[in-house]
C-alpha atoms as a PDB file:
ATOM      1  CA  MET A   1     -23.867  75.751  32.884  1.00  0.00           C
ATOM      2  CA  VAL A   2     -23.132  72.691  34.423  1.00  0.00           C
ATOM      3  CA  GLU A   3     -19.456  72.660  34.590  1.00  0.00           C
ATOM      4  CA  ARG A   4     -18.313  69.065  33.098  1.00  0.00           C
ATOM      5  CA  ARG A   5     -15.690  67.142  35.273  1.00  0.00           C
ATOM      6  CA  PRO A   6     -14.955  63.851  33.461  1.00  0.00           C
ATOM      7  CA  PHE A   7     -12.968  62.760  36.852  1.00  0.00           C
ATOM      8  CA  LEU A   8     -16.076  63.179  38.600  1.00  0.00           C
ATOM      9  CA  GLY A   9     -18.224  61.683  36.019  1.00  0.00           C
ATOM     10  CA  PHE A  10     -15.786  58.564  36.184  1.00  0.00           C
ATOM     11  CA  MET A  11     -16.060  58.266  39.849  1.00  0.00           C
ATOM     12  CA  SER A  12     -19.418  59.110  40.534  1.00  0.00           C
ATOM     13  CA  HIS A  13     -20.012  55.826  37.826  1.00  0.00           C
ATOM     14  CA  LEU A  14     -17.735  54.157  39.415  1.00  0.00           C
ATOM     15  CA  VAL A  15     -19.582  54.412  42.783  1.00  0.00           C
ATOM     16  CA  LEU A  16     -22.741  52.937  40.682  1.00  0.00           C
ATOM     17  CA  LEU A  17     -20.698  50.407  39.137  1.00  0.00           C
ATOM     18  CA  LEU A  18     -19.679  49.104  42.357  1.00  0.00           C
ATOM     19  CA  GLY A  19     -23.307  49.589  44.424  1.00  0.00           C
ATOM     20  CA  VAL A  20     -24.725  47.408  41.727  1.00  0.00           C
ATOM     21  CA  ALA A  21     -22.114  44.982  41.979  1.00  0.00           C
ATOM     22  CA  VAL A  22     -22.465  44.451  46.273  1.00  0.00           C
ATOM     23  CA  VAL A  23     -26.544  44.243  45.023  1.00  0.00           C
ATOM     24  CA  ALA A  24     -26.052  41.876  42.172  1.00  0.00           C
ATOM     25  CA  PHE A  25     -23.225  39.536  43.007  1.00  0.00           C
ATOM     26  CA  PRO A  26     -25.717  37.949  45.578  1.00  0.00           C
ATOM     27  CA  VAL A  27     -28.530  37.335  43.234  1.00  0.00           C
ATOM     28  CA  TYR A  28     -26.150  35.854  40.270  1.00  0.00           C
ATOM     29  CA  ILE A  29     -24.379  33.146  43.120  1.00  0.00           C
ATOM     30  CA  THR A  30     -27.397  32.787  44.239  1.00  0.00           C
ATOM     31  CA  PHE A  31     -28.910  31.602  40.260  1.00  0.00           C
ATOM     32  CA  VAL A  32     -25.601  29.577  39.742  1.00  0.00           C
ATOM     33  CA  ALA A  33     -26.304  27.253  42.280  1.00  0.00           C
ATOM     34  CA  SER A  34     -30.358  27.009  41.101  1.00  0.00           C
ATOM     35  CA  THR A  35     -28.523  25.348  37.931  1.00  0.00           C
ATOM     36  CA  HIS A  36     -26.288  22.941  39.361  1.00  0.00           C
ATOM     37  CA  THR A  37     -27.154  19.845  41.790  1.00  0.00           C
ATOM     38  CA  ALA A  38     -27.123  19.510  45.271  1.00  0.00           C
ATOM     39  CA  GLU A  39     -23.754  18.038  45.470  1.00  0.00           C
ATOM     40  CA  ALA A  40     -22.153  20.487  43.437  1.00  0.00           C
ATOM     41  CA  ILE A  41     -23.077  23.876  45.313  1.00  0.00           C
ATOM     42  CA  VAL A  42     -21.452  22.362  48.260  1.00  0.00           C
ATOM     43  CA  GLN A  43     -17.938  21.742  47.024  1.00  0.00           C
ATOM     44  CA  THR A  44     -15.310  24.184  47.746  1.00  0.00           C
ATOM     45  CA  PRO A  45     -14.394  25.975  45.927  1.00  0.00           C
ATOM     46  CA  MET A  46     -18.221  26.348  44.586  1.00  0.00           C
ATOM     47  CA  PRO A  47     -19.048  26.597  40.579  1.00  0.00           C
ATOM     48  CA  LEU A  48     -19.157  30.470  40.041  1.00  0.00           C
ATOM     49  CA  LEU A  49     -20.627  29.715  35.746  1.00  0.00           C
ATOM     50  CA  PRO A  50     -24.154  28.098  35.344  1.00  0.00           C
ATOM     51  CA  GLY A  51     -24.655  24.281  35.257  1.00  0.00           C
ATOM     52  CA  ASP A  52     -26.506  22.429  33.200  1.00  0.00           C
ATOM     53  CA  GLN A  53     -29.451  21.555  35.656  1.00  0.00           C
ATOM     54  CA  PHE A  54     -31.508  24.729  34.409  1.00  0.00           C
ATOM     55  CA  TRP A  55     -34.663  23.017  33.456  1.00  0.00           C
ATOM     56  CA  THR A  56     -34.749  20.317  36.082  1.00  0.00           C
ATOM     57  CA  ASN A  57     -34.192  21.900  38.856  1.00  0.00           C
ATOM     58  CA  TYR A  58     -37.075  24.826  38.413  1.00  0.00           C
ATOM     59  CA  VAL A  59     -39.334  22.693  36.744  1.00  0.00           C
ATOM     60  CA  THR A  60     -38.844  20.397  40.201  1.00  0.00           C
ATOM     61  CA  ALA A  61     -39.433  23.554  42.674  1.00  0.00           C
ATOM     62  CA  LEU A  62     -42.549  24.150  41.129  1.00  0.00           C
ATOM     63  CA  ARG A  63     -44.564  20.757  41.400  1.00  0.00           C
ATOM     64  CA  GLY A  64     -42.669  19.963  44.385  1.00  0.00           C
ATOM     65  CA  SER A  65     -39.830  17.201  45.611  1.00  0.00           C
ATOM     66  CA  ASP A  66     -40.876  13.810  46.721  1.00  0.00           C
ATOM     67  CA  SER A  67     -37.641  13.559  48.577  1.00  0.00           C
ATOM     68  CA  GLY A  68     -36.058  15.940  51.458  1.00  0.00           C
ATOM     69  CA  PRO A  69     -35.989  16.383  55.523  1.00  0.00           C
ATOM     70  CA  ALA A  70     -37.810  19.352  55.049  1.00  0.00           C
ATOM     71  CA  SER A  71     -40.859  20.603  53.491  1.00  0.00           C
ATOM     72  CA  THR A  72     -41.034  19.500  49.936  1.00  0.00           C
ATOM     73  CA  ALA A  73     -45.012  21.791  49.381  1.00  0.00           C
ATOM     74  CA  PRO A  74     -44.680  23.192  45.053  1.00  0.00           C
ATOM     75  CA  VAL A  75     -43.261  26.405  45.219  1.00  0.00           C
ATOM     76  CA  GLY A  76     -46.205  26.861  42.503  1.00  0.00           C
ATOM     77  CA  ARG A  77     -49.066  26.740  45.153  1.00  0.00           C
ATOM     78  CA  MET A  78     -46.664  29.062  47.272  1.00  0.00           C
ATOM     79  CA  MET A  79     -46.379  31.260  45.007  1.00  0.00           C
ATOM     80  CA  TRP A  80     -49.909  31.538  44.121  1.00  0.00           C
ATOM     81  CA  VAL A  81     -50.692  31.939  47.990  1.00  0.00           C
ATOM     82  CA  SER A  82     -48.633  34.854  47.549  1.00  0.00           C
ATOM     83  CA  LEU A  83     -49.762  36.297  44.785  1.00  0.00           C
ATOM     84  CA  VAL A  84     -53.039  36.552  46.394  1.00  0.00           C
ATOM     85  CA  SER A  85     -52.210  37.676  49.869  1.00  0.00           C
ATOM     86  CA  ALA A  86     -50.387  40.425  48.195  1.00  0.00           C
ATOM     87  CA  LEU A  87     -52.930  42.029  46.038  1.00  0.00           C
ATOM     88  CA  VAL A  88     -55.548  41.901  48.686  1.00  0.00           C
ATOM     89  CA  ILE A  89     -52.879  43.365  51.409  1.00  0.00           C
ATOM     90  CA  ALA A  90     -52.051  46.245  48.394  1.00  0.00           C
ATOM     91  CA  PHE A  91     -55.908  46.386  47.357  1.00  0.00           C
ATOM     92  CA  GLY A  92     -57.394  46.466  51.009  1.00  0.00           C
ATOM     93  CA  LYS A  93     -54.763  49.233  51.790  1.00  0.00           C
ATOM     94  CA  ILE A  94     -55.641  51.652  49.453  1.00  0.00           C
ATOM     95  CA  ALA A  95     -59.128  50.984  49.612  1.00  0.00           C
ATOM     96  CA  ILE A  96     -59.189  51.261  53.443  1.00  0.00           C
ATOM     97  CA  SER A  97     -57.220  54.505  53.480  1.00  0.00           C
ATOM     98  CA  LEU A  98     -58.509  56.081  50.547  1.00  0.00           C
ATOM     99  CA  LEU A  99     -62.064  56.060  52.367  1.00  0.00           C
ATOM    100  CA  SER A 100     -60.990  56.961  55.652  1.00  0.00           C
ATOM    101  CA  ALA A 101     -58.778  59.955  54.367  1.00  0.00           C
ATOM    102  CA  TYR A 102     -61.184  61.295  51.957  1.00  0.00           C
ATOM    103  CA  ALA A 103     -64.114  61.226  55.680  1.00  0.00           C
ATOM    104  CA  ILE A 104     -61.734  62.548  57.605  1.00  0.00           C
ATOM    105  CA  VAL A 105     -61.107  65.568  55.551  1.00  0.00           C
ATOM    106  CA  TYR A 106     -64.497  66.503  53.682  1.00  0.00           C
ATOM    107  CA  PHE A 107     -67.041  65.235  55.877  1.00  0.00           C
ATOM    108  CA  ARG A 108     -67.867  67.320  59.832  1.00  0.00           C
ATOM    109  CA  PHE A 109     -68.837  64.963  62.498  1.00  0.00           C
ATOM    110  CA  PRO A 110     -67.911  64.992  66.417  1.00  0.00           C
ATOM    111  CA  PHE A 111     -64.386  63.880  67.479  1.00  0.00           C
ATOM    112  CA  ARG A 112     -63.029  64.003  63.682  1.00  0.00           C
ATOM    113  CA  MET A 113     -58.825  64.755  64.807  1.00  0.00           C
ATOM    114  CA  LEU A 114     -59.525  62.481  67.239  1.00  0.00           C
ATOM    115  CA  PHE A 115     -59.700  59.917  65.318  1.00  0.00           C
ATOM    116  CA  PHE A 116     -57.922  60.904  62.730  1.00  0.00           C
ATOM    117  CA  TRP A 117     -54.677  61.267  65.387  1.00  0.00           C
ATOM    118  CA  ALA A 118     -55.949  57.332  66.833  1.00  0.00           C
ATOM    119  CA  ILE A 119     -55.211  56.215  63.241  1.00  0.00           C
ATOM    120  CA  PHE A 120     -51.675  58.189  63.498  1.00  0.00           C
ATOM    121  CA  VAL A 121     -50.866  57.059  67.137  1.00  0.00           C
ATOM    122  CA  THR A 122     -50.852  53.087  65.786  1.00  0.00           C
ATOM    123  CA  LEU A 123     -47.641  54.226  63.925  1.00  0.00           C
ATOM    124  CA  MET A 124     -45.745  54.445  67.176  1.00  0.00           C
ATOM    125  CA  LEU A 125     -47.006  50.681  67.890  1.00  0.00           C
ATOM    126  CA  PRO A 126     -44.418  48.105  66.305  1.00  0.00           C
ATOM    127  CA  VAL A 127     -46.238  44.918  64.715  1.00  0.00           C
ATOM    128  CA  GLU A 128     -44.338  42.586  67.826  1.00  0.00           C
ATOM    129  CA  VAL A 129     -46.507  44.969  70.404  1.00  0.00           C
ATOM    130  CA  ARG A 130     -49.734  44.148  68.491  1.00  0.00           C
ATOM    131  CA  ILE A 131     -49.399  40.302  67.452  1.00  0.00           C
ATOM    132  CA  GLY A 132     -49.977  38.509  70.149  1.00  0.00           C
ATOM    133  CA  PRO A 133     -53.684  40.012  70.777  1.00  0.00           C
ATOM    134  CA  THR A 134     -54.270  39.582  66.772  1.00  0.00           C
ATOM    135  CA  TYR A 135     -52.937  35.932  66.476  1.00  0.00           C
ATOM    136  CA  GLN A 136     -55.851  34.786  69.455  1.00  0.00           C
ATOM    137  CA  ILE A 137     -58.826  36.760  67.996  1.00  0.00           C
ATOM    138  CA  VAL A 138     -57.467  35.530  64.394  1.00  0.00           C
ATOM    139  CA  SER A 139     -57.341  31.919  65.981  1.00  0.00           C
ATOM    140  CA  ASP A 140     -60.379  32.493  68.000  1.00  0.00           C
ATOM    141  CA  LEU A 141     -62.517  32.827  64.795  1.00  0.00           C
ATOM    142  CA  GLY A 142     -61.197  30.080  62.969  1.00  0.00           C
ATOM    143  CA  MET A 143     -59.429  32.338  60.763  1.00  0.00           C
ATOM    144  CA  LEU A 144     -55.765  30.223  60.894  1.00  0.00           C
ATOM    145  CA  ASN A 145     -54.601  28.632  57.408  1.00  0.00           C
ATOM    146  CA  SER A 146     -56.919  30.850  55.718  1.00  0.00           C
ATOM    147  CA  TYR A 147     -56.459  33.348  53.239  1.00  0.00           C
ATOM    148  CA  ALA A 148     -58.326  35.899  55.253  1.00  0.00           C
ATOM    149  CA  GLY A 149     -56.266  34.993  58.479  1.00  0.00           C
ATOM    150  CA  LEU A 150     -53.206  35.922  55.859  1.00  0.00           C
ATOM    151  CA  THR A 151     -54.486  39.129  54.734  1.00  0.00           C
ATOM    152  CA  ILE A 152     -57.445  40.896  57.172  1.00  0.00           C
ATOM    153  CA  PRO A 153     -55.118  41.778  60.211  1.00  0.00           C
ATOM    154  CA  LEU A 154     -52.503  43.290  57.966  1.00  0.00           C
ATOM    155  CA  ILE A 155     -54.828  45.623  55.726  1.00  0.00           C
ATOM    156  CA  ALA A 156     -54.953  48.786  57.835  1.00  0.00           C
ATOM    157  CA  SER A 157     -52.474  51.358  57.032  1.00  0.00           C
ATOM    158  CA  ALA A 158     -52.251  54.357  59.500  1.00  0.00           C
ATOM    159  CA  THR A 159     -49.033  55.564  56.910  1.00  0.00           C
ATOM    160  CA  ALA A 160     -51.670  55.556  53.828  1.00  0.00           C
ATOM    161  CA  THR A 161     -54.337  56.973  55.073  1.00  0.00           C
ATOM    162  CA  PHE A 162     -51.659  59.783  56.609  1.00  0.00           C
ATOM    163  CA  LEU A 163     -50.322  60.610  52.796  1.00  0.00           C
ATOM    164  CA  PHE A 164     -53.693  60.700  51.155  1.00  0.00           C
ATOM    165  CA  ARG A 165     -55.069  63.083  53.868  1.00  0.00           C
ATOM    166  CA  GLN A 166     -52.270  64.949  53.038  1.00  0.00           C
ATOM    167  CA  PHE A 167     -52.760  64.241  49.060  1.00  0.00           C
ATOM    168  CA  PHE A 168     -56.850  65.220  49.856  1.00  0.00           C
ATOM    169  CA  MET A 169     -55.464  68.814  51.769  1.00  0.00           C
ATOM    170  CA  THR A 170     -53.791  70.000  48.341  1.00  0.00           C
ATOM    171  CA  VAL A 171     -57.428  69.729  46.489  1.00  0.00           C
ATOM    172  CA  PRO A 172     -58.667  73.155  45.601  1.00  0.00           C
ATOM    173  CA  ASP A 173     -61.577  73.501  47.538  1.00  0.00           C
ATOM    174  CA  GLU A 174     -62.662  75.287  44.945  1.00  0.00           C
ATOM    175  CA  LEU A 175     -63.100  71.131  43.045  1.00  0.00           C
ATOM    176  CA  ALA A 176     -65.782  70.536  45.809  1.00  0.00           C
ATOM    177  CA  GLU A 177     -67.479  73.450  45.087  1.00  0.00           C
ATOM    178  CA  ALA A 178     -67.959  73.067  41.642  1.00  0.00           C
ATOM    179  CA  ALA A 179     -68.569  69.468  41.925  1.00  0.00           C
ATOM    180  CA  ARG A 180     -71.363  70.030  44.281  1.00  0.00           C
ATOM    181  CA  MET A 181     -72.749  73.016  41.804  1.00  0.00           C
ATOM    182  CA  ASP A 182     -72.806  70.156  38.863  1.00  0.00           C
ATOM    183  CA  GLY A 183     -75.216  68.244  41.616  1.00  0.00           C
ATOM    184  CA  ALA A 184     -72.801  65.485  41.957  1.00  0.00           C
ATOM    185  CA  GLY A 185     -72.973  63.246  45.382  1.00  0.00           C
ATOM    186  CA  PRO A 186     -69.971  62.612  47.817  1.00  0.00           C
ATOM    187  CA  LEU A 187     -69.771  59.273  46.417  1.00  0.00           C
ATOM    188  CA  ARG A 188     -70.218  61.349  42.608  1.00  0.00           C
ATOM    189  CA  PHE A 189     -67.305  63.375  43.870  1.00  0.00           C
ATOM    190  CA  PHE A 190     -65.229  60.692  44.945  1.00  0.00           C
ATOM    191  CA  LEU A 191     -64.848  58.273  42.453  1.00  0.00           C
ATOM    192  CA  ASP A 192     -64.660  61.418  39.376  1.00  0.00           C
ATOM    193  CA  VAL A 193     -62.411  64.160  40.490  1.00  0.00           C
ATOM    194  CA  LEU A 194     -60.332  62.719  43.568  1.00  0.00           C
ATOM    195  CA  LEU A 195     -59.692  59.437  42.333  1.00  0.00           C
ATOM    196  CA  PRO A 196     -58.489  60.346  39.054  1.00  0.00           C
ATOM    197  CA  LEU A 197     -56.135  62.893  40.604  1.00  0.00           C
ATOM    198  CA  SER A 198     -54.925  61.202  42.755  1.00  0.00           C
ATOM    199  CA  SER A 199     -54.087  57.691  40.341  1.00  0.00           C
ATOM    200  CA  THR A 200     -50.247  58.417  40.734  1.00  0.00           C
ATOM    201  CA  SER A 201     -50.633  58.327  44.780  1.00  0.00           C
ATOM    202  CA  ILE A 202     -52.458  55.353  44.348  1.00  0.00           C
ATOM    203  CA  ALA A 203     -49.833  53.627  41.893  1.00  0.00           C
ATOM    204  CA  ALA A 204     -47.159  54.442  43.855  1.00  0.00           C
ATOM    205  CA  LEU A 205     -48.333  52.839  47.064  1.00  0.00           C
ATOM    206  CA  PHE A 206     -49.766  49.919  45.360  1.00  0.00           C
ATOM    207  CA  VAL A 207     -45.664  49.070  44.608  1.00  0.00           C
ATOM    208  CA  ILE A 208     -44.313  49.803  48.020  1.00  0.00           C
ATOM    209  CA  GLN A 209     -47.421  47.414  49.807  1.00  0.00           C
ATOM    210  CA  PHE A 210     -47.613  44.754  47.099  1.00  0.00           C
ATOM    211  CA  ILE A 211     -43.402  44.318  47.952  1.00  0.00           C
ATOM    212  CA  TYR A 212     -44.373  44.397  51.375  1.00  0.00           C
ATOM    213  CA  GLY A 213     -47.464  41.300  51.360  1.00  0.00           C
ATOM    214  CA  TRP A 214     -45.430  39.597  49.435  1.00  0.00           C
ATOM    215  CA  ASN A 215     -42.151  39.858  51.815  1.00  0.00           C
ATOM    216  CA  GLN A 216     -44.258  39.091  55.204  1.00  0.00           C
ATOM    217  CA  TYR A 217     -42.445  36.470  57.631  1.00  0.00           C
ATOM    218  CA  LEU A 218     -43.756  37.049  60.906  1.00  0.00           C
ATOM    219  CA  TRP A 219     -47.341  36.935  60.194  1.00  0.00           C
ATOM    220  CA  PRO A 220     -47.549  33.747  57.960  1.00  0.00           C
ATOM    221  CA  LEU A 221     -45.209  32.093  59.834  1.00  0.00           C
ATOM    222  CA  LEU A 222     -47.691  32.458  63.140  1.00  0.00           C
ATOM    223  CA  VAL A 223     -51.167  31.730  61.061  1.00  0.00           C
ATOM    224  CA  THR A 224     -50.083  29.092  58.970  1.00  0.00           C
ATOM    225  CA  THR A 225     -48.690  25.173  59.276  1.00  0.00           C
ATOM    226  CA  ARG A 226     -50.362  23.547  56.606  1.00  0.00           C
ATOM    227  CA  GLU A 227     -48.201  23.181  53.292  1.00  0.00           C
ATOM    228  CA  ASP A 228     -51.200  24.419  50.548  1.00  0.00           C
ATOM    229  CA  MET A 229     -51.308  27.582  52.875  1.00  0.00           C
ATOM    230  CA  TYR A 230     -47.236  28.701  53.349  1.00  0.00           C
ATOM    231  CA  PRO A 231     -46.953  31.599  50.874  1.00  0.00           C
ATOM    232  CA  VAL A 232     -43.187  31.630  49.169  1.00  0.00           C
ATOM    233  CA  VAL A 233     -41.034  33.611  52.028  1.00  0.00           C
ATOM    234  CA  ILE A 234     -42.355  30.583  54.134  1.00  0.00           C
ATOM    235  CA  GLY A 235     -41.665  28.371  52.177  1.00  0.00           C
ATOM    236  CA  ILE A 236     -37.882  28.749  52.098  1.00  0.00           C
ATOM    237  CA  LYS A 237     -37.558  28.804  55.425  1.00  0.00           C
ATOM    238  CA  ARG A 238     -39.394  25.169  56.042  1.00  0.00           C
ATOM    239  CA  MET A 239     -36.936  23.907  53.190  1.00  0.00           C
ATOM    240  CA  ILE A 240     -34.482  24.447  54.943  1.00  0.00           C
ATOM    241  CA  SER A 241     -34.271  21.296  57.669  1.00  0.00           C
ATOM    242  CA  GLY A 242     -30.435  21.151  58.943  1.00  0.00           C
ATOM    243  CA  GLY A 243     -27.052  20.977  57.853  1.00  0.00           C
ATOM    244  CA  ASP A 244     -25.723  21.212  54.101  1.00  0.00           C
ATOM    245  CA  ALA A 245     -26.124  17.414  53.027  1.00  0.00           C
ATOM    246  CA  ALA A 246     -29.834  17.241  54.396  1.00  0.00           C
ATOM    247  CA  ASN A 247     -30.626  19.958  52.395  1.00  0.00           C
ATOM    248  CA  GLU A 248     -31.485  20.260  48.655  1.00  0.00           C
ATOM    249  CA  TRP A 249     -29.791  23.881  47.916  1.00  0.00           C
ATOM    250  CA  ASN A 250     -30.603  23.571  44.162  1.00  0.00           C
ATOM    251  CA  ILE A 251     -33.623  23.670  44.787  1.00  0.00           C
ATOM    252  CA  ILE A 252     -34.187  26.421  47.503  1.00  0.00           C
ATOM    253  CA  MET A 253     -31.586  28.519  45.369  1.00  0.00           C
ATOM    254  CA  ALA A 254     -34.660  27.985  42.634  1.00  0.00           C
ATOM    255  CA  THR A 255     -37.176  29.050  44.690  1.00  0.00           C
ATOM    256  CA  ALA A 256     -35.500  31.734  46.189  1.00  0.00           C
ATOM    257  CA  MET A 257     -35.531  32.915  42.421  1.00  0.00           C
ATOM    258  CA  LEU A 258     -38.561  32.560  41.568  1.00  0.00           C
ATOM    259  CA  ALA A 259     -39.688  34.552  44.968  1.00  0.00           C
ATOM    260  CA  MET A 260     -37.444  37.398  43.059  1.00  0.00           C
ATOM    261  CA  ILE A 261     -39.500  37.531  39.970  1.00  0.00           C
ATOM    262  CA  PRO A 262     -42.931  39.028  40.722  1.00  0.00           C
ATOM    263  CA  PRO A 263     -41.511  41.835  43.325  1.00  0.00           C
ATOM    264  CA  ALA A 264     -39.382  42.742  40.313  1.00  0.00           C
ATOM    265  CA  LEU A 265     -41.671  42.721  37.522  1.00  0.00           C
ATOM    266  CA  VAL A 266     -44.131  44.533  39.737  1.00  0.00           C
ATOM    267  CA  VAL A 267     -41.152  47.355  40.110  1.00  0.00           C
ATOM    268  CA  MET A 268     -40.172  47.451  36.596  1.00  0.00           C
ATOM    269  CA  LEU A 269     -44.055  47.897  35.179  1.00  0.00           C
ATOM    270  CA  MET A 270     -44.521  50.376  37.231  1.00  0.00           C
ATOM    271  CA  GLN A 271     -41.568  52.211  38.039  1.00  0.00           C
ATOM    272  CA  LYS A 272     -42.859  55.436  35.838  1.00  0.00           C
ATOM    273  CA  TRP A 273     -45.947  55.472  38.229  1.00  0.00           C
ATOM    274  CA  PHE A 274     -43.986  54.224  40.888  1.00  0.00           C
ATOM    275  CA  VAL A 275     -41.370  57.383  40.596  1.00  0.00           C
ATOM    276  CA  LYS A 276     -43.878  59.916  39.023  1.00  0.00           C
ATOM    277  CA  GLY A 277     -46.258  59.401  42.379  1.00  0.00           C
ATOM    278  CA  LEU A 278     -43.172  59.930  44.806  1.00  0.00           C
ATOM    279  CA  VAL A 279     -41.883  62.841  43.238  1.00  0.00           C
ATOM    280  CA  ASP A 280     -45.028  64.549  40.686  1.00  0.00           C
ATOM    281  CA  THR A 281     -45.486  68.467  42.637  1.00  0.00           C
ATOM    282  CA  GLU A 282     -48.329  68.761  39.778  1.00  0.00           C
ATOM    283  CA  LYS A 283     -51.492  68.805  41.287  1.00  0.00           C
END
């Protein structure tokens, strides 16, 4: 029986509320700034209540602005680039990691563990170490300012391969033997047995990898020079050109709010699968 302690309950809720306030207050300020004019935002003190420019600012951000010294590309186009990149990176990482982990666990071939450790060792190499050679290869192949250049160098994942390998090793050997006795080949066993068992892990990894792809900054900063290929994260940076007076902060804040929507929706819609994939121990 769990003893009820009102004071500890009150303190735990207070700490949670303070944590929510710390996280939510900057988002609220961003939303308020996105509903005012640029002149109202730079005033001191800045308004703390929403203004009357909500629709104007968001429509201007989505369609693009014809004025301003910085980037005026439509945010709708930027969000489309980010969405395509995030989906390709997420599905690409999951597909490659599933197949590589399946091959390492269920196939016997020379230097099998050597290949696995070669994949695993890449976890010790930060992106900055290999970003120069990767950029050179992408440039030589003519993939700058393209979806292929934004996504292909990022779809390999040693972490996902390791996680799927560890999961496949917990699958009872009796399932493989039963599938073999029923006449199922390697591909049938993979599609009909392993994939359904891996659904929660796939969902959890999809959420993580989608947010990873959506929030990419360093790599798109190098491989994109045209406004029509800017992801939304790069677009926000390109909108900031100088001092406060030179920037349309209301449009920038509206863009920032729009950029938060897709990853937030993915987390909320897949929260059940995400949590289950991380904590479920039933295999």
